PDB file of N, CA and C in Angstrom:
ATOM      1  N   MET A   1       7.236 -41.164  16.220  1.00  0.00           N
ATOM      2  CA  MET A   1       7.995 -39.993  16.632  1.00  0.00           C
ATOM      3  C   MET A   1       7.474 -38.760  15.909  1.00  0.00           C
ATOM      4  N   LYS A   2       7.603 -37.632  16.566  1.00  0.00           N
ATOM      5  CA  LYS A   2       7.214 -36.371  15.961  1.00  0.00           C
ATOM      6  C   LYS A   2       8.261 -35.912  14.950  1.00  0.00           C
ATOM      7  N   GLN A   3       7.788 -35.339  13.873  1.00  0.00           N
ATOM      8  CA  GLN A   3       8.698 -34.772  12.898  1.00  0.00           C
ATOM      9  C   GLN A   3       8.884 -33.292  13.219  1.00  0.00           C
ATOM     10  N   ARG A   4      10.099 -32.848  13.201  1.00  0.00           N
ATOM     11  CA  ARG A   4      10.409 -31.457  13.547  1.00  0.00           C
ATOM     12  C   ARG A   4      10.207 -30.557  12.324  1.00  0.00           C
ATOM     13  N   ASN A   5       9.467 -29.460  12.523  1.00  0.00           N
ATOM     14  CA  ASN A   5       9.267 -28.495  11.444  1.00  0.00           C
ATOM     15  C   ASN A   5      10.411 -27.489  11.460  1.00  0.00           C
ATOM     16  N   ASP A   6      10.931 -27.210  10.296  1.00  0.00           N
ATOM     17  CA  ASP A   6      12.034 -26.264  10.190  1.00  0.00           C
ATOM     18  C   ASP A   6      11.551 -24.833  10.000  1.00  0.00           C
ATOM     19  N   LEU A   7      10.274 -24.644   9.650  1.00  0.00           N
ATOM     20  CA  LEU A   7       9.750 -23.316   9.370  1.00  0.00           C
ATOM     21  C   LEU A   7       8.784 -22.888  10.464  1.00  0.00           C
ATOM     22  N   THR A   8       8.834 -21.608  10.755  1.00  0.00           N
ATOM     23  CA  THR A   8       7.809 -21.055  11.632  1.00  0.00           C
ATOM     24  C   THR A   8       6.544 -20.866  10.809  1.00  0.00           C
ATOM     25  N   LEU A   9       5.446 -20.578  11.480  1.00  0.00           N
ATOM     26  CA  LEU A   9       4.200 -20.362  10.763  1.00  0.00           C
ATOM     27  C   LEU A   9       4.309 -19.161   9.835  1.00  0.00           C
ATOM     28  N   LYS A  10       4.966 -18.104  10.297  1.00  0.00           N
ATOM     29  CA  LYS A  10       5.148 -16.908   9.473  1.00  0.00           C
ATOM     30  C   LYS A  10       5.941 -17.234   8.212  1.00  0.00           C
ATOM     31  N   GLU A  11       7.026 -17.978   8.372  1.00  0.00           N
ATOM     32  CA  GLU A  11       7.852 -18.347   7.218  1.00  0.00           C
ATOM     33  C   GLU A  11       7.071 -19.234   6.243  1.00  0.00           C
ATOM     34  N   ALA A  12       6.259 -20.139   6.772  1.00  0.00           N
ATOM     35  CA  ALA A  12       5.468 -21.020   5.919  1.00  0.00           C
ATOM     36  C   ALA A  12       4.430 -20.223   5.131  1.00  0.00           C
ATOM     37  N   LEU A  13       3.773 -19.266   5.790  1.00  0.00           N
ATOM     38  CA  LEU A  13       2.790 -18.436   5.091  1.00  0.00           C
ATOM     39  C   LEU A  13       3.445 -17.569   4.021  1.00  0.00           C
ATOM     40  N   GLU A  14       4.611 -16.996   4.333  1.00  0.00           N
ATOM     41  CA  GLU A  14       5.324 -16.193   3.336  1.00  0.00           C
ATOM     42  C   GLU A  14       5.743 -17.051   2.147  1.00  0.00           C
ATOM     43  N   ALA A  15       6.193 -18.271   2.399  1.00  0.00           N
ATOM     44  CA  ALA A  15       6.572 -19.169   1.308  1.00  0.00           C
ATOM     45  C   ALA A  15       5.360 -19.534   0.458  1.00  0.00           C
ATOM     46  N   MET A  16       4.217 -19.756   1.097  1.00  0.00           N
ATOM     47  CA  MET A  16       3.002 -20.082   0.361  1.00  0.00           C
ATOM     48  C   MET A  16       2.568 -18.895  -0.507  1.00  0.00           C
ATOM     49  N   LEU A  17       2.639 -17.680   0.036  1.00  0.00           N
ATOM     50  CA  LEU A  17       2.269 -16.494  -0.735  1.00  0.00           C
ATOM     51  C   LEU A  17       3.185 -16.323  -1.946  1.00  0.00           C
ATOM     52  N   ARG A  18       4.476 -16.574  -1.760  1.00  0.00           N
ATOM     53  CA  ARG A  18       5.412 -16.492  -2.891  1.00  0.00           C
ATOM     54  C   ARG A  18       5.124 -17.581  -3.921  1.00  0.00           C
ATOM     55  N   GLU A  19       4.852 -18.784  -3.454  1.00  0.00           N
ATOM     56  CA  GLU A  19       4.611 -19.913  -4.353  1.00  0.00           C
ATOM     57  C   GLU A  19       3.388 -19.678  -5.231  1.00  0.00           C
ATOM     58  N   TYR A  20       2.325 -19.141  -4.641  1.00  0.00           N
ATOM     59  CA  TYR A  20       1.103 -18.890  -5.390  1.00  0.00           C
ATOM     60  C   TYR A  20       1.058 -17.487  -5.987  1.00  0.00           C
ATOM     61  N   ARG A  21       2.169 -16.770  -5.897  1.00  0.00           N
ATOM     62  CA  ARG A  21       2.315 -15.411  -6.437  1.00  0.00           C
ATOM     63  C   ARG A  21       1.242 -14.447  -5.903  1.00  0.00           C
ATOM     64  N   LEU A  22       1.007 -14.535  -4.624  1.00  0.00           N
ATOM     65  CA  LEU A  22       0.032 -13.666  -3.985  1.00  0.00           C
ATOM     66  C   LEU A  22       0.690 -12.576  -3.142  1.00  0.00           C
ATOM     67  N   ASP A  23       1.996 -12.608  -3.013  1.00  0.00           N
ATOM     68  CA  ASP A  23       2.678 -11.647  -2.145  1.00  0.00           C
ATOM     69  C   ASP A  23       2.564 -10.216  -2.670  1.00  0.00           C
ATOM     70  N   ASP A  24       2.644 -10.021  -3.978  1.00  0.00           N
ATOM     71  CA  ASP A  24       2.477  -8.669  -4.530  1.00  0.00           C
ATOM     72  C   ASP A  24       1.057  -8.165  -4.325  1.00  0.00           C
ATOM     73  N   ARG A  25       0.090  -9.037  -4.516  1.00  0.00           N
ATOM     74  CA  ARG A  25      -1.310  -8.649  -4.322  1.00  0.00           C
ATOM     75  C   ARG A  25      -1.567  -8.278  -2.859  1.00  0.00           C
ATOM     76  N   LEU A  26      -0.967  -9.015  -1.939  1.00  0.00           N
ATOM     77  CA  LEU A  26      -1.121  -8.707  -0.521  1.00  0.00           C
ATOM     78  C   LEU A  26      -0.488  -7.359  -0.188  1.00  0.00           C
ATOM     79  N   LYS A  27       0.669  -7.071  -0.754  1.00  0.00           N
ATOM     80  CA  LYS A  27       1.306  -5.777  -0.534  1.00  0.00           C
ATOM     81  C   LYS A  27       0.465  -4.637  -1.104  1.00  0.00           C
ATOM     82  N   GLU A  28      -0.161  -4.859  -2.266  1.00  0.00           N
ATOM     83  CA  GLU A  28      -1.036  -3.845  -2.852  1.00  0.00           C
ATOM     84  C   GLU A  28      -2.218  -3.575  -1.919  1.00  0.00           C
ATOM     85  N   TRP A  29      -2.792  -4.644  -1.378  1.00  0.00           N
ATOM     86  CA  TRP A  29      -3.912  -4.482  -0.457  1.00  0.00           C
ATOM     87  C   TRP A  29      -3.473  -3.740   0.811  1.00  0.00           C
ATOM     88  N   LYS A  30      -2.285  -4.080   1.335  1.00  0.00           N
ATOM     89  CA  LYS A  30      -1.775  -3.399   2.527  1.00  0.00           C
ATOM     90  C   LYS A  30      -1.563  -1.913   2.264  1.00  0.00           C
ATOM     91  N   ALA A  31      -1.077  -1.571   1.080  1.00  0.00           N
ATOM     92  CA  ALA A  31      -0.853  -0.162   0.739  1.00  0.00           C
ATOM     93  C   ALA A  31      -2.177   0.588   0.656  1.00  0.00           C
ATOM     94  N   GLN A  32      -3.194  -0.025   0.057  1.00  0.00           N
ATOM     95  CA  GLN A  32      -4.506   0.610  -0.013  1.00  0.00           C
ATOM     96  C   GLN A  32      -5.091   0.791   1.386  1.00  0.00           C
ATOM     97  N   ALA A  33      -4.946  -0.206   2.231  1.00  0.00           N
ATOM     98  CA  ALA A  33      -5.461  -0.112   3.596  1.00  0.00           C
ATOM     99  C   ALA A  33      -4.719   0.976   4.370  1.00  0.00           C
ATOM    100  N   ALA A  34      -3.402   1.082   4.165  1.00  0.00           N
ATOM    101  CA  ALA A  34      -2.625   2.132   4.831  1.00  0.00           C
ATOM    102  C   ALA A  34      -3.087   3.508   4.367  1.00  0.00           C
ATOM    103  N   TRP A  35      -3.363   3.664   3.072  1.00  0.00           N
ATOM    104  CA  TRP A  35      -3.866   4.943   2.555  1.00  0.00           C
ATOM    105  C   TRP A  35      -5.176   5.312   3.261  1.00  0.00           C
ATOM    106  N   HIS A  36      -6.084   4.352   3.343  1.00  0.00           N
ATOM    107  CA  HIS A  36      -7.387   4.641   3.942  1.00  0.00           C
ATOM    108  C   HIS A  36      -7.271   4.940   5.438  1.00  0.00           C
ATOM    109  N   ARG A  37      -6.350   4.294   6.124  1.00  0.00           N
ATOM    110  CA  ARG A  37      -6.137   4.593   7.543  1.00  0.00           C
ATOM    111  C   ARG A  37      -5.579   5.991   7.738  1.00  0.00           C
ATOM    112  N   LEU A  38      -4.642   6.385   6.882  1.00  0.00           N
ATOM    113  CA  LEU A  38      -3.957   7.666   7.060  1.00  0.00           C
ATOM    114  C   LEU A  38      -4.714   8.848   6.460  1.00  0.00           C
ATOM    115  N   MET A  39      -5.346   8.671   5.324  1.00  0.00           N
ATOM    116  CA  MET A  39      -5.876   9.804   4.575  1.00  0.00           C
ATOM    117  C   MET A  39      -7.402   9.855   4.473  1.00  0.00           C
ATOM    118  N   ASP A  40      -8.049   8.767   4.585  1.00  0.00           N
ATOM    119  CA  ASP A  40      -9.471   8.717   4.256  1.00  0.00           C
ATOM    120  C   ASP A  40     -10.337   9.594   5.156  1.00  0.00           C
ATOM    121  N   LYS A  41      -9.964   9.776   6.388  1.00  0.00           N
ATOM    122  CA  LYS A  41     -10.796  10.541   7.316  1.00  0.00           C
ATOM    123  C   LYS A  41     -10.947  11.997   6.884  1.00  0.00           C
ATOM    124  N   THR A  42      -9.893  12.591   6.401  1.00  0.00           N
ATOM    125  CA  THR A  42      -9.933  14.014   6.096  1.00  0.00           C
ATOM    126  C   THR A  42     -10.265  14.323   4.642  1.00  0.00           C
ATOM    127  N   ILE A  43      -9.795  13.499   3.723  1.00  0.00           N
ATOM    128  CA  ILE A  43      -9.977  13.832   2.306  1.00  0.00           C
ATOM    129  C   ILE A  43     -10.742  12.767   1.525  1.00  0.00           C
ATOM    130  N   GLY A  44     -11.314  11.803   2.207  1.00  0.00           N
ATOM    131  CA  GLY A  44     -12.001  10.697   1.541  1.00  0.00           C
ATOM    132  C   GLY A  44     -13.148  11.119   0.652  1.00  0.00           C
ATOM    133  N   VAL A  45     -13.780  12.224   0.975  1.00  0.00           N
ATOM    134  CA  VAL A  45     -14.917  12.716   0.187  1.00  0.00           C
ATOM    135  C   VAL A  45     -14.468  13.151  -1.210  1.00  0.00           C
ATOM    136  N   TYR A  46     -13.238  13.608  -1.327  1.00  0.00           N
ATOM    137  CA  TYR A  46     -12.734  14.166  -2.584  1.00  0.00           C
ATOM    138  C   TYR A  46     -11.942  13.162  -3.427  1.00  0.00           C
ATOM    139  N   ILE A  47     -11.820  11.920  -2.942  1.00  0.00           N
ATOM    140  CA  ILE A  47     -11.063  10.891  -3.657  1.00  0.00           C
ATOM    141  C   ILE A  47     -12.045   9.931  -4.306  1.00  0.00           C
ATOM    142  N   SER A  48     -11.910   9.709  -5.618  1.00  0.00           N
ATOM    143  CA  SER A  48     -12.829   8.793  -6.286  1.00  0.00           C
ATOM    144  C   SER A  48     -12.291   7.365  -6.319  1.00  0.00           C
ATOM    145  N   SER A  49     -10.968   7.190  -6.422  1.00  0.00           N
ATOM    146  CA  SER A  49     -10.423   5.832  -6.397  1.00  0.00           C
ATOM    147  C   SER A  49      -8.952   5.848  -5.979  1.00  0.00           C
ATOM    148  N   VAL A  50      -8.565   4.753  -5.364  1.00  0.00           N
ATOM    149  CA  VAL A  50      -7.178   4.532  -4.958  1.00  0.00           C
ATOM    150  C   VAL A  50      -6.830   3.117  -5.353  1.00  0.00           C
ATOM    151  N   ARG A  51      -5.743   2.962  -6.095  1.00  0.00           N
ATOM    152  CA  ARG A  51      -5.299   1.615  -6.457  1.00  0.00           C
ATOM    153  C   ARG A  51      -3.781   1.581  -6.487  1.00  0.00           C
ATOM    154  N   VAL A  52      -3.261   0.397  -6.301  1.00  0.00           N
ATOM    155  CA  VAL A  52      -1.818   0.194  -6.290  1.00  0.00           C
ATOM    156  C   VAL A  52      -1.496  -0.877  -7.321  1.00  0.00           C
ATOM    157  N   GLN A  53      -0.469  -0.601  -8.109  1.00  0.00           N
ATOM    158  CA  GLN A  53      -0.049  -1.570  -9.107  1.00  0.00           C
ATOM    159  C   GLN A  53       1.460  -1.519  -9.232  1.00  0.00           C
ATOM    160  N   LYS A  54       2.107  -2.615  -8.908  1.00  0.00           N
ATOM    161  CA  LYS A  54       3.561  -2.760  -9.022  1.00  0.00           C
ATOM    162  C   LYS A  54       4.318  -1.640  -8.325  1.00  0.00           C
ATOM    163  N   GLY A  55       3.896  -1.316  -7.107  1.00  0.00           N
ATOM    164  CA  GLY A  55       4.612  -0.330  -6.305  1.00  0.00           C
ATOM    165  C   GLY A  55       4.277   1.121  -6.607  1.00  0.00           C
ATOM    166  N   VAL A  56       3.296   1.353  -7.484  1.00  0.00           N
ATOM    167  CA  VAL A  56       2.881   2.719  -7.818  1.00  0.00           C
ATOM    168  C   VAL A  56       1.458   2.913  -7.305  1.00  0.00           C
ATOM    169  N   LEU A  57       1.266   3.960  -6.510  1.00  0.00           N
ATOM    170  CA  LEU A  57      -0.052   4.292  -5.965  1.00  0.00           C
ATOM    171  C   LEU A  57      -0.717   5.303  -6.891  1.00  0.00           C
ATOM    172  N   TYR A  58      -1.893   4.955  -7.399  1.00  0.00           N
ATOM    173  CA  TYR A  58      -2.665   5.838  -8.267  1.00  0.00           C
ATOM    174  C   TYR A  58      -3.851   6.366  -7.470  1.00  0.00           C
ATOM    175  N   VAL A  59      -3.973   7.697  -7.399  1.00  0.00           N
ATOM    176  CA  VAL A  59      -5.047   8.328  -6.651  1.00  0.00           C
ATOM    177  C   VAL A  59      -5.809   9.243  -7.605  1.00  0.00           C
ATOM    178  N   ALA A  60      -7.113   9.018  -7.727  1.00  0.00           N
ATOM    179  CA  ALA A  60      -7.971   9.868  -8.554  1.00  0.00           C
ATOM    180  C   ALA A  60      -8.676  10.863  -7.634  1.00  0.00           C
ATOM    181  N   VAL A  61      -8.411  12.157  -7.848  1.00  0.00           N
ATOM    182  CA  VAL A  61      -8.916  13.214  -6.986  1.00  0.00           C
ATOM    183  C   VAL A  61      -9.960  14.025  -7.740  1.00  0.00           C
ATOM    184  N   LEU A  62     -11.055  14.338  -7.072  1.00  0.00           N
ATOM    185  CA  LEU A  62     -12.140  15.088  -7.694  1.00  0.00           C
ATOM    186  C   LEU A  62     -11.950  16.603  -7.595  1.00  0.00           C
ATOM    187  N   SER A  63     -11.164  17.064  -6.668  1.00  0.00           N
ATOM    188  CA  SER A  63     -10.983  18.496  -6.418  1.00  0.00           C
ATOM    189  C   SER A  63      -9.613  18.952  -6.927  1.00  0.00           C
ATOM    190  N   ALA A  64      -9.599  19.954  -7.791  1.00  0.00           N
ATOM    191  CA  ALA A  64      -8.342  20.459  -8.351  1.00  0.00           C
ATOM    192  C   ALA A  64      -7.408  21.042  -7.284  1.00  0.00           C
ATOM    193  N   PRO A  65      -7.895  21.831  -6.331  1.00  0.00           N
ATOM    194  CA  PRO A  65      -6.987  22.342  -5.297  1.00  0.00           C
ATOM    195  C   PRO A  65      -6.373  21.219  -4.441  1.00  0.00           C
ATOM    196  N   LEU A  66      -7.184  20.206  -4.127  1.00  0.00           N
ATOM    197  CA  LEU A  66      -6.656  19.077  -3.359  1.00  0.00           C
ATOM    198  C   LEU A  66      -5.636  18.298  -4.184  1.00  0.00           C
ATOM    199  N   ARG A  67      -5.893  18.147  -5.468  1.00  0.00           N
ATOM    200  CA  ARG A  67      -4.946  17.469  -6.357  1.00  0.00           C
ATOM    201  C   ARG A  67      -3.595  18.188  -6.331  1.00  0.00           C
ATOM    202  N   GLN A  68      -3.627  19.505  -6.350  1.00  0.00           N
ATOM    203  CA  GLN A  68      -2.396  20.295  -6.302  1.00  0.00           C
ATOM    204  C   GLN A  68      -1.675  20.098  -4.970  1.00  0.00           C
ATOM    205  N   GLU A  69      -2.412  20.142  -3.876  1.00  0.00           N
ATOM    206  CA  GLU A  69      -1.816  19.949  -2.547  1.00  0.00           C
ATOM    207  C   GLU A  69      -1.188  18.561  -2.416  1.00  0.00           C
ATOM    208  N   LEU A  70      -1.899  17.542  -2.884  1.00  0.00           N
ATOM    209  CA  LEU A  70      -1.363  16.186  -2.811  1.00  0.00           C
ATOM    210  C   LEU A  70      -0.139  16.027  -3.707  1.00  0.00           C
ATOM    211  N   SER A  71      -0.112  16.700  -4.825  1.00  0.00           N
ATOM    212  CA  SER A  71       1.049  16.642  -5.712  1.00  0.00           C
ATOM    213  C   SER A  71       2.281  17.208  -5.023  1.00  0.00           C
ATOM    214  N   PHE A  72       2.097  18.295  -4.280  1.00  0.00           N
ATOM    215  CA  PHE A  72       3.227  18.878  -3.552  1.00  0.00           C
ATOM    216  C   PHE A  72       3.704  17.962  -2.421  1.00  0.00           C
ATOM    217  N   ALA A  73       2.797  17.186  -1.845  1.00  0.00           N
ATOM    218  CA  ALA A  73       3.126  16.362  -0.676  1.00  0.00           C
ATOM    219  C   ALA A  73       3.364  14.895  -1.030  1.00  0.00           C
ATOM    220  N   ARG A  74       3.584  14.594  -2.304  1.00  0.00           N
ATOM    221  CA  ARG A  74       3.745  13.192  -2.719  1.00  0.00           C
ATOM    222  C   ARG A  74       4.839  12.454  -1.964  1.00  0.00           C
ATOM    223  N   GLU A  75       5.994  13.074  -1.827  1.00  0.00           N
ATOM    224  CA  GLU A  75       7.118  12.405  -1.170  1.00  0.00           C
ATOM    225  C   GLU A  75       6.809  12.117   0.300  1.00  0.00           C
ATOM    226  N   LYS A  76       6.212  13.071   0.981  1.00  0.00           N
ATOM    227  CA  LYS A  76       5.845  12.882   2.386  1.00  0.00           C
ATOM    228  C   LYS A  76       4.802  11.780   2.532  1.00  0.00           C
ATOM    229  N   ILE A  77       3.819  11.756   1.641  1.00  0.00           N
ATOM    230  CA  ILE A  77       2.786  10.712   1.665  1.00  0.00           C
ATOM    231  C   ILE A  77       3.419   9.347   1.431  1.00  0.00           C
ATOM    232  N   ARG A  78       4.347   9.276   0.478  1.00  0.00           N
ATOM    233  CA  ARG A  78       5.026   8.005   0.185  1.00  0.00           C
ATOM    234  C   ARG A  78       5.766   7.501   1.415  1.00  0.00           C
ATOM    235  N   GLU A  79       6.476   8.403   2.102  1.00  0.00           N
ATOM    236  CA  GLU A  79       7.197   8.021   3.315  1.00  0.00           C
ATOM    237  C   GLU A  79       6.248   7.534   4.406  1.00  0.00           C
ATOM    238  N   LEU A  80       5.125   8.232   4.578  1.00  0.00           N
ATOM    239  CA  LEU A  80       4.143   7.827   5.588  1.00  0.00           C
ATOM    240  C   LEU A  80       3.562   6.445   5.285  1.00  0.00           C
ATOM    241  N   LEU A  81       3.221   6.205   4.025  1.00  0.00           N
ATOM    242  CA  LEU A  81       2.655   4.915   3.645  1.00  0.00           C
ATOM    243  C   LEU A  81       3.660   3.778   3.839  1.00  0.00           C
ATOM    244  N   ASN A  82       4.895   4.005   3.414  1.00  0.00           N
ATOM    245  CA  ASN A  82       5.915   2.969   3.582  1.00  0.00           C
ATOM    246  C   ASN A  82       6.195   2.708   5.058  1.00  0.00           C
ATOM    247  N   GLU A  83       6.176   3.754   5.864  1.00  0.00           N
ATOM    248  CA  GLU A  83       6.372   3.590   7.303  1.00  0.00           C
ATOM    249  C   GLU A  83       5.212   2.799   7.906  1.00  0.00           C
ATOM    250  N   GLU A  84       4.002   3.105   7.493  1.00  0.00           N
ATOM    251  CA  GLU A  84       2.812   2.401   7.986  1.00  0.00           C
ATOM    252  C   GLU A  84       2.845   0.922   7.592  1.00  0.00           C
ATOM    253  N   MET A  85       3.342   0.633   6.386  1.00  0.00           N
ATOM    254  CA  MET A  85       3.416  -0.745   5.913  1.00  0.00           C
ATOM    255  C   MET A  85       4.594  -1.505   6.518  1.00  0.00           C
ATOM    256  N   GLY A  86       5.611  -0.788   6.955  1.00  0.00           N
ATOM    257  CA  GLY A  86       6.778  -1.443   7.524  1.00  0.00           C
ATOM    258  C   GLY A  86       7.797  -1.884   6.492  1.00  0.00           C
ATOM    259  N   GLU A  87       7.665  -1.411   5.264  1.00  0.00           N
ATOM    260  CA  GLU A  87       8.615  -1.740   4.195  1.00  0.00           C
ATOM    261  C   GLU A  87       8.542  -0.667   3.123  1.00  0.00           C
ATOM    262  N   ASN A  88       9.538  -0.603   2.267  1.00  0.00           N
ATOM    263  CA  ASN A  88       9.571   0.373   1.177  1.00  0.00           C
ATOM    264  C   ASN A  88       8.943  -0.235  -0.074  1.00  0.00           C
ATOM    265  N   TYR A  89       7.629  -0.294  -0.097  1.00  0.00           N
ATOM    266  CA  TYR A  89       6.940  -0.884  -1.239  1.00  0.00           C
ATOM    267  C   TYR A  89       6.505   0.181  -2.248  1.00  0.00           C
ATOM    268  N   ILE A  90       5.980   1.299  -1.776  1.00  0.00           N
ATOM    269  CA  ILE A  90       5.506   2.360  -2.676  1.00  0.00           C
ATOM    270  C   ILE A  90       6.702   3.127  -3.209  1.00  0.00           C
ATOM    271  N   ARG A  91       6.920   3.052  -4.528  1.00  0.00           N
ATOM    272  CA  ARG A  91       8.032   3.759  -5.175  1.00  0.00           C
ATOM    273  C   ARG A  91       7.620   5.129  -5.671  1.00  0.00           C
ATOM    274  N   GLU A  92       6.352   5.242  -6.071  1.00  0.00           N
ATOM    275  CA  GLU A  92       5.892   6.475  -6.721  1.00  0.00           C
ATOM    276  C   GLU A  92       4.406   6.662  -6.443  1.00  0.00           C
ATOM    277  N   ILE A  93       3.967   7.914  -6.444  1.00  0.00           N
ATOM    278  CA  ILE A  93       2.555   8.235  -6.287  1.00  0.00           C
ATOM    279  C   ILE A  93       2.130   9.073  -7.481  1.00  0.00           C
ATOM    280  N   VAL A  94       1.071   8.636  -8.145  1.00  0.00           N
ATOM    281  CA  VAL A  94       0.528   9.353  -9.297  1.00  0.00           C
ATOM    282  C   VAL A  94      -0.818   9.919  -8.886  1.00  0.00           C
ATOM    283  N   ILE A  95      -0.932  11.256  -8.942  1.00  0.00           N
ATOM    284  CA  ILE A  95      -2.172  11.934  -8.586  1.00  0.00           C
ATOM    285  C   ILE A  95      -2.878  12.319  -9.888  1.00  0.00           C
ATOM    286  N   ARG A  96      -4.103  11.894 -10.041  1.00  0.00           N
ATOM    287  CA  ARG A  96      -4.874  12.184 -11.262  1.00  0.00           C
ATOM    288  C   ARG A  96      -6.084  13.002 -10.931  1.00  0.00           C
TER     289      ARG A  96
END
C-alpha cells in the first residue's frame, strides 16, 4: 500500500531549510537578489558591495552624493525590497 505524505513539497523544503539552518541564508540571498533587480541597473556602477546580515542590508557606495540620496530614501528602499521578497525581512538599511 502507498503511504500518504502529510507535507507538501513546499512544506518539506521549508522544514529542511529550518532543520539545516539555511533559511536565514536563503533570505539573505533573496534580499541581495531583490536589491540587484531593483537598483543595480541605474546605480550599480557606484555601489562597491551589498550584503545582508540578520535582516540588515549593508550597502557600500562610492559616490558621496548618491550615498546622501540613498540615505534619504532608506525607508522607501526597505519597503520596496520587502515587497519584492514577499515578507518583512529587511529591518534596517545601512549606507556606507
